[in-house]
Amino acid sequence: MKSAKDTLKWEDPRSNRGYVRFGRERVTQSNNPEEIAALRAKAPDHKESMEIGRDWDAEWKNQWPSESLVPGFKQRMLDFYEVRWFFSPEFFANFQTWL
């Protein structure tokens, strides 16, 4: 049986939208399954994430849990995304100065 999180998984890795379970992301650009398995054994992916982008994007849709399952989640994430979007150009413009 699928978990609620699994119903929100990436539809396409190019979109970078949706739930990413523990161990899902590769630690290499390799496409060789044996090499990937060896690298994951050495340095496993211990994180999970919920990745979002512009909610108005017509091609790549965000994956949202139902409001009844996680009340307020979508709006909180969209608020966070908007603040991050607003401040990121200033942050990155100054980043090289901070180094």
N, C-alpha and C. Protein backbone atom coordinates (compact mmCIF):
# COMPACT_ATOMS: atom_id res chain seq x y z
N MET A 1 0.83 -1.19 0.00
CA MET A 1 0.00 0.00 0.00
C MET A 1 0.88 1.25 0.00
N LYS A 2 0.53 2.22 -0.84
CA LYS A 2 1.29 3.46 -0.92
C LYS A 2 1.01 4.35 0.29
N SER A 3 2.06 5.02 0.77
CA SER A 3 1.87 5.99 1.83
C SER A 3 1.36 7.29 1.22
N ALA A 4 0.84 8.17 2.05
CA ALA A 4 0.38 9.48 1.57
C ALA A 4 1.53 10.24 0.91
N LYS A 5 2.72 10.13 1.48
CA LYS A 5 3.88 10.80 0.89
C LYS A 5 4.19 10.26 -0.50
N ASP A 6 4.13 8.95 -0.66
CA ASP A 6 4.47 8.34 -1.94
C ASP A 6 3.53 8.76 -3.07
N THR A 7 2.31 9.16 -2.74
CA THR A 7 1.39 9.63 -3.78
C THR A 7 1.83 10.99 -4.32
N LEU A 8 2.76 11.66 -3.63
CA LEU A 8 3.23 12.99 -4.02
C LEU A 8 4.62 12.95 -4.66
N LYS A 9 5.12 11.76 -4.98
CA LYS A 9 6.49 11.63 -5.49
C LYS A 9 6.65 12.32 -6.84
N TRP A 10 7.91 12.55 -7.20
CA TRP A 10 8.23 13.14 -8.49
C TRP A 10 7.50 12.41 -9.61
N GLU A 11 6.92 13.16 -10.54
CA GLU A 11 6.38 12.55 -11.75
C GLU A 11 7.47 12.45 -12.80
N ASP A 12 8.40 13.39 -12.74
CA ASP A 12 9.48 13.46 -13.72
C ASP A 12 10.65 14.17 -13.04
N PRO A 13 11.84 13.55 -13.00
CA PRO A 13 12.96 14.18 -12.30
C PRO A 13 13.35 15.54 -12.87
N ARG A 14 13.00 15.82 -14.12
CA ARG A 14 13.31 17.13 -14.69
C ARG A 14 12.51 18.24 -14.02
N SER A 15 11.36 17.88 -13.47
CA SER A 15 10.51 18.90 -12.85
C SER A 15 11.00 19.29 -11.47
N ASN A 16 11.65 18.35 -10.78
CA ASN A 16 12.13 18.60 -9.42
C ASN A 16 10.97 19.07 -8.53
N ARG A 17 9.84 18.42 -8.65
CA ARG A 17 8.65 18.78 -7.89
C ARG A 17 8.09 17.54 -7.21
N GLY A 18 7.83 17.64 -5.93
CA GLY A 18 7.17 16.56 -5.21
C GLY A 18 8.02 15.98 -4.10
N TYR A 19 7.52 14.91 -3.53
CA TYR A 19 8.17 14.24 -2.40
C TYR A 19 9.35 13.40 -2.88
N VAL A 20 10.44 13.49 -2.15
CA VAL A 20 11.63 12.68 -2.42
C VAL A 20 11.91 11.87 -1.16
N ARG A 21 11.75 10.56 -1.26
CA ARG A 21 11.91 9.68 -0.10
C ARG A 21 13.38 9.48 0.26
N PHE A 22 13.60 8.96 1.46
CA PHE A 22 14.94 8.61 1.90
C PHE A 22 15.58 7.70 0.85
N GLY A 23 16.83 7.97 0.51
CA GLY A 23 17.57 7.11 -0.40
C GLY A 23 17.25 7.30 -1.88
N ARG A 24 16.36 8.21 -2.22
CA ARG A 24 15.92 8.37 -3.62
C ARG A 24 16.97 9.04 -4.50
N GLU A 25 17.65 10.03 -3.96
CA GLU A 25 18.57 10.79 -4.80
C GLU A 25 19.91 10.08 -4.91
N ARG A 26 20.50 10.21 -6.08
CA ARG A 26 21.80 9.58 -6.34
C ARG A 26 22.91 10.44 -5.77
N VAL A 27 24.00 9.82 -5.46
CA VAL A 27 25.18 10.55 -4.99
C VAL A 27 26.21 10.67 -6.10
N THR A 28 25.77 10.49 -7.33
CA THR A 28 26.66 10.51 -8.47
C THR A 28 25.86 10.85 -9.73
N GLN A 29 26.55 11.22 -10.76
CA GLN A 29 25.91 11.43 -12.06
C GLN A 29 25.95 10.15 -12.89
N SER A 30 26.53 9.12 -12.35
CA SER A 30 26.64 7.85 -13.06
C SER A 30 25.26 7.23 -13.31
N ASN A 31 25.15 6.50 -14.40
CA ASN A 31 23.95 5.73 -14.69
C ASN A 31 24.18 4.24 -14.49
N ASN A 32 25.36 3.89 -13.99
CA ASN A 32 25.72 2.50 -13.76
C ASN A 32 25.13 2.03 -12.43
N PRO A 33 24.18 1.09 -12.43
CA PRO A 33 23.52 0.66 -11.19
C PRO A 33 24.47 0.13 -10.13
N GLU A 34 25.51 -0.60 -10.55
CA GLU A 34 26.46 -1.14 -9.58
C GLU A 34 27.26 -0.02 -8.91
N GLU A 35 27.70 0.94 -9.70
CA GLU A 35 28.46 2.07 -9.16
C GLU A 35 27.58 2.90 -8.21
N ILE A 36 26.34 3.12 -8.60
CA ILE A 36 25.41 3.87 -7.75
C ILE A 36 25.19 3.14 -6.43
N ALA A 37 24.97 1.83 -6.50
CA ALA A 37 24.75 1.03 -5.28
C ALA A 37 25.96 1.09 -4.36
N ALA A 38 27.16 1.00 -4.93
CA ALA A 38 28.38 1.05 -4.12
C ALA A 38 28.53 2.42 -3.45
N LEU A 39 28.26 3.48 -4.19
CA LEU A 39 28.36 4.82 -3.61
C LEU A 39 27.29 5.06 -2.56
N ARG A 40 26.10 4.55 -2.77
CA ARG A 40 25.03 4.70 -1.77
C ARG A 40 25.36 3.92 -0.50
N ALA A 41 26.03 2.78 -0.66
CA ALA A 41 26.43 2.01 0.52
C ALA A 41 27.46 2.78 1.34
N LYS A 42 28.35 3.48 0.65
CA LYS A 42 29.38 4.29 1.32
C LYS A 42 28.81 5.56 1.94
N ALA A 43 27.93 6.22 1.19
CA ALA A 43 27.39 7.51 1.62
C ALA A 43 25.90 7.55 1.30
N PRO A 44 25.10 6.90 2.14
CA PRO A 44 23.67 6.82 1.84
C PRO A 44 22.98 8.19 1.94
N ASP A 45 21.89 8.30 1.23
CA ASP A 45 21.07 9.51 1.24
C ASP A 45 20.09 9.40 2.40
N HIS A 46 20.33 10.16 3.48
CA HIS A 46 19.52 10.06 4.69
C HIS A 46 18.48 11.16 4.81
N LYS A 47 18.18 11.82 3.72
CA LYS A 47 17.22 12.91 3.82
C LYS A 47 15.98 12.60 3.01
N GLU A 48 14.93 13.30 3.36
CA GLU A 48 13.74 13.31 2.53
C GLU A 48 13.36 14.76 2.36
N SER A 49 12.67 15.07 1.29
CA SER A 49 12.31 16.46 1.05
C SER A 49 11.01 16.56 0.28
N MET A 50 10.46 17.74 0.32
CA MET A 50 9.29 18.07 -0.48
C MET A 50 9.71 19.25 -1.33
N GLU A 51 9.87 19.02 -2.61
CA GLU A 51 10.41 20.04 -3.49
C GLU A 51 9.29 20.73 -4.26
N ILE A 52 9.34 22.07 -4.26
CA ILE A 52 8.32 22.84 -4.96
C ILE A 52 8.98 23.88 -5.85
N GLY A 53 8.21 24.41 -6.74
CA GLY A 53 8.66 25.48 -7.63
C GLY A 53 7.51 26.46 -7.81
N ARG A 54 7.58 27.21 -8.88
CA ARG A 54 6.53 28.19 -9.16
C ARG A 54 5.21 27.47 -9.31
N ASP A 55 4.22 27.88 -8.55
CA ASP A 55 2.94 27.19 -8.58
C ASP A 55 2.16 27.49 -9.85
N TRP A 56 2.53 28.53 -10.54
CA TRP A 56 1.83 28.90 -11.77
C TRP A 56 2.47 28.29 -13.02
N ASP A 57 3.51 27.50 -12.86
CA ASP A 57 4.19 26.88 -14.00
C ASP A 57 3.23 25.90 -14.69
N ALA A 58 2.99 26.11 -15.97
CA ALA A 58 2.04 25.27 -16.71
C ALA A 58 2.59 23.88 -17.01
N GLU A 59 3.91 23.77 -17.15
CA GLU A 59 4.49 22.48 -17.53
C GLU A 59 4.79 21.59 -16.33
N TRP A 60 5.37 22.15 -15.28
CA TRP A 60 5.80 21.36 -14.12
C TRP A 60 4.93 21.73 -12.93
N LYS A 61 4.04 20.85 -12.57
CA LYS A 61 3.08 21.09 -11.49
C LYS A 61 3.66 20.67 -10.15
N ASN A 62 3.40 21.48 -9.13
CA ASN A 62 3.74 21.09 -7.76
C ASN A 62 2.81 19.96 -7.33
N GLN A 63 3.30 19.13 -6.44
CA GLN A 63 2.52 18.04 -5.87
C GLN A 63 2.15 18.45 -4.44
N TRP A 64 0.88 18.55 -4.15
CA TRP A 64 0.44 19.00 -2.83
C TRP A 64 -0.36 17.93 -2.10
N PRO A 65 -0.12 17.77 -0.79
CA PRO A 65 -0.99 16.89 -0.01
C PRO A 65 -2.36 17.55 0.12
N SER A 66 -3.37 16.77 0.38
CA SER A 66 -4.71 17.34 0.53
C SER A 66 -4.74 18.25 1.76
N GLU A 67 -5.55 19.27 1.68
CA GLU A 67 -5.69 20.23 2.79
C GLU A 67 -6.16 19.52 4.05
N SER A 68 -7.00 18.51 3.91
CA SER A 68 -7.49 17.79 5.09
C SER A 68 -6.39 16.96 5.75
N LEU A 69 -5.42 16.52 4.97
CA LEU A 69 -4.33 15.70 5.51
C LEU A 69 -3.28 16.57 6.21
N VAL A 70 -2.93 17.70 5.60
CA VAL A 70 -1.92 18.60 6.17
C VAL A 70 -2.45 20.04 6.05
N PRO A 71 -3.30 20.45 6.98
CA PRO A 71 -3.91 21.78 6.89
C PRO A 71 -2.87 22.90 6.84
N GLY A 72 -3.02 23.79 5.87
CA GLY A 72 -2.16 24.96 5.77
C GLY A 72 -0.81 24.73 5.12
N PHE A 73 -0.47 23.49 4.81
CA PHE A 73 0.86 23.19 4.28
C PHE A 73 1.13 23.92 2.97
N LYS A 74 0.19 23.81 2.03
CA LYS A 74 0.40 24.42 0.72
C LYS A 74 0.62 25.92 0.84
N GLN A 75 -0.22 26.61 1.61
CA GLN A 75 -0.08 28.06 1.72
C GLN A 75 1.22 28.44 2.43
N ARG A 76 1.60 27.71 3.47
CA ARG A 76 2.88 28.00 4.14
C ARG A 76 4.06 27.82 3.20
N MET A 77 4.02 26.77 2.40
CA MET A 77 5.12 26.53 1.45
C MET A 77 5.15 27.60 0.36
N LEU A 78 3.98 28.00 -0.14
CA LEU A 78 3.94 29.05 -1.16
C LEU A 78 4.41 30.39 -0.58
N ASP A 79 4.06 30.68 0.66
CA ASP A 79 4.54 31.90 1.32
C ASP A 79 6.06 31.87 1.45
N PHE A 80 6.59 30.73 1.88
CA PHE A 80 8.05 30.58 2.00
C PHE A 80 8.72 30.74 0.64
N TYR A 81 8.16 30.11 -0.38
CA TYR A 81 8.72 30.19 -1.73
C TYR A 81 8.75 31.64 -2.21
N GLU A 82 7.68 32.38 -1.96
CA GLU A 82 7.62 33.77 -2.39
C GLU A 82 8.69 34.63 -1.71
N VAL A 83 8.88 34.44 -0.41
CA VAL A 83 9.92 35.18 0.31
C VAL A 83 11.30 34.79 -0.21
N ARG A 84 11.52 33.51 -0.39
CA ARG A 84 12.81 33.05 -0.91
C ARG A 84 13.05 33.60 -2.31
N TRP A 85 12.04 33.60 -3.14
CA TRP A 85 12.15 34.11 -4.50
C TRP A 85 12.50 35.60 -4.48
N PHE A 86 11.90 36.33 -3.57
CA PHE A 86 12.12 37.77 -3.47
C PHE A 86 13.56 38.08 -3.04
N PHE A 87 14.05 37.33 -2.05
CA PHE A 87 15.37 37.63 -1.49
C PHE A 87 16.54 36.94 -2.18
N SER A 88 16.31 35.90 -2.96
CA SER A 88 17.43 35.15 -3.53
C SER A 88 18.33 35.96 -4.46
N PRO A 89 17.82 36.86 -5.32
CA PRO A 89 18.77 37.62 -6.16
C PRO A 89 19.73 38.46 -5.33
N GLU A 90 19.23 39.09 -4.28
CA GLU A 90 20.09 39.90 -3.41
C GLU A 90 21.11 39.01 -2.69
N PHE A 91 20.64 37.87 -2.21
CA PHE A 91 21.54 36.95 -1.51
C PHE A 91 22.67 36.49 -2.41
N PHE A 92 22.34 36.02 -3.59
CA PHE A 92 23.38 35.51 -4.47
C PHE A 92 24.27 36.59 -5.04
N ALA A 93 23.73 37.80 -5.20
CA ALA A 93 24.56 38.92 -5.65
C ALA A 93 25.62 39.25 -4.61
N ASN A 94 25.29 39.07 -3.35
CA ASN A 94 26.23 39.37 -2.27
C ASN A 94 27.04 38.16 -1.82
N PHE A 95 26.68 36.99 -2.25
CA PHE A 95 27.32 35.76 -1.79
C PHE A 95 28.83 35.78 -2.03
N GLN A 96 29.24 36.17 -3.22
CA GLN A 96 30.68 36.17 -3.52
C GLN A 96 31.43 37.15 -2.63
N THR A 97 30.80 38.21 -2.22
CA THR A 97 31.43 39.17 -1.30
C THR A 97 31.67 38.55 0.06
N TRP A 98 30.71 37.72 0.50
CA TRP A 98 30.82 37.08 1.81
C TRP A 98 31.92 36.04 1.87
N LEU A 99 32.29 35.51 0.73
CA LEU A 99 33.34 34.49 0.73
C LEU A 99 34.66 35.18 0.93
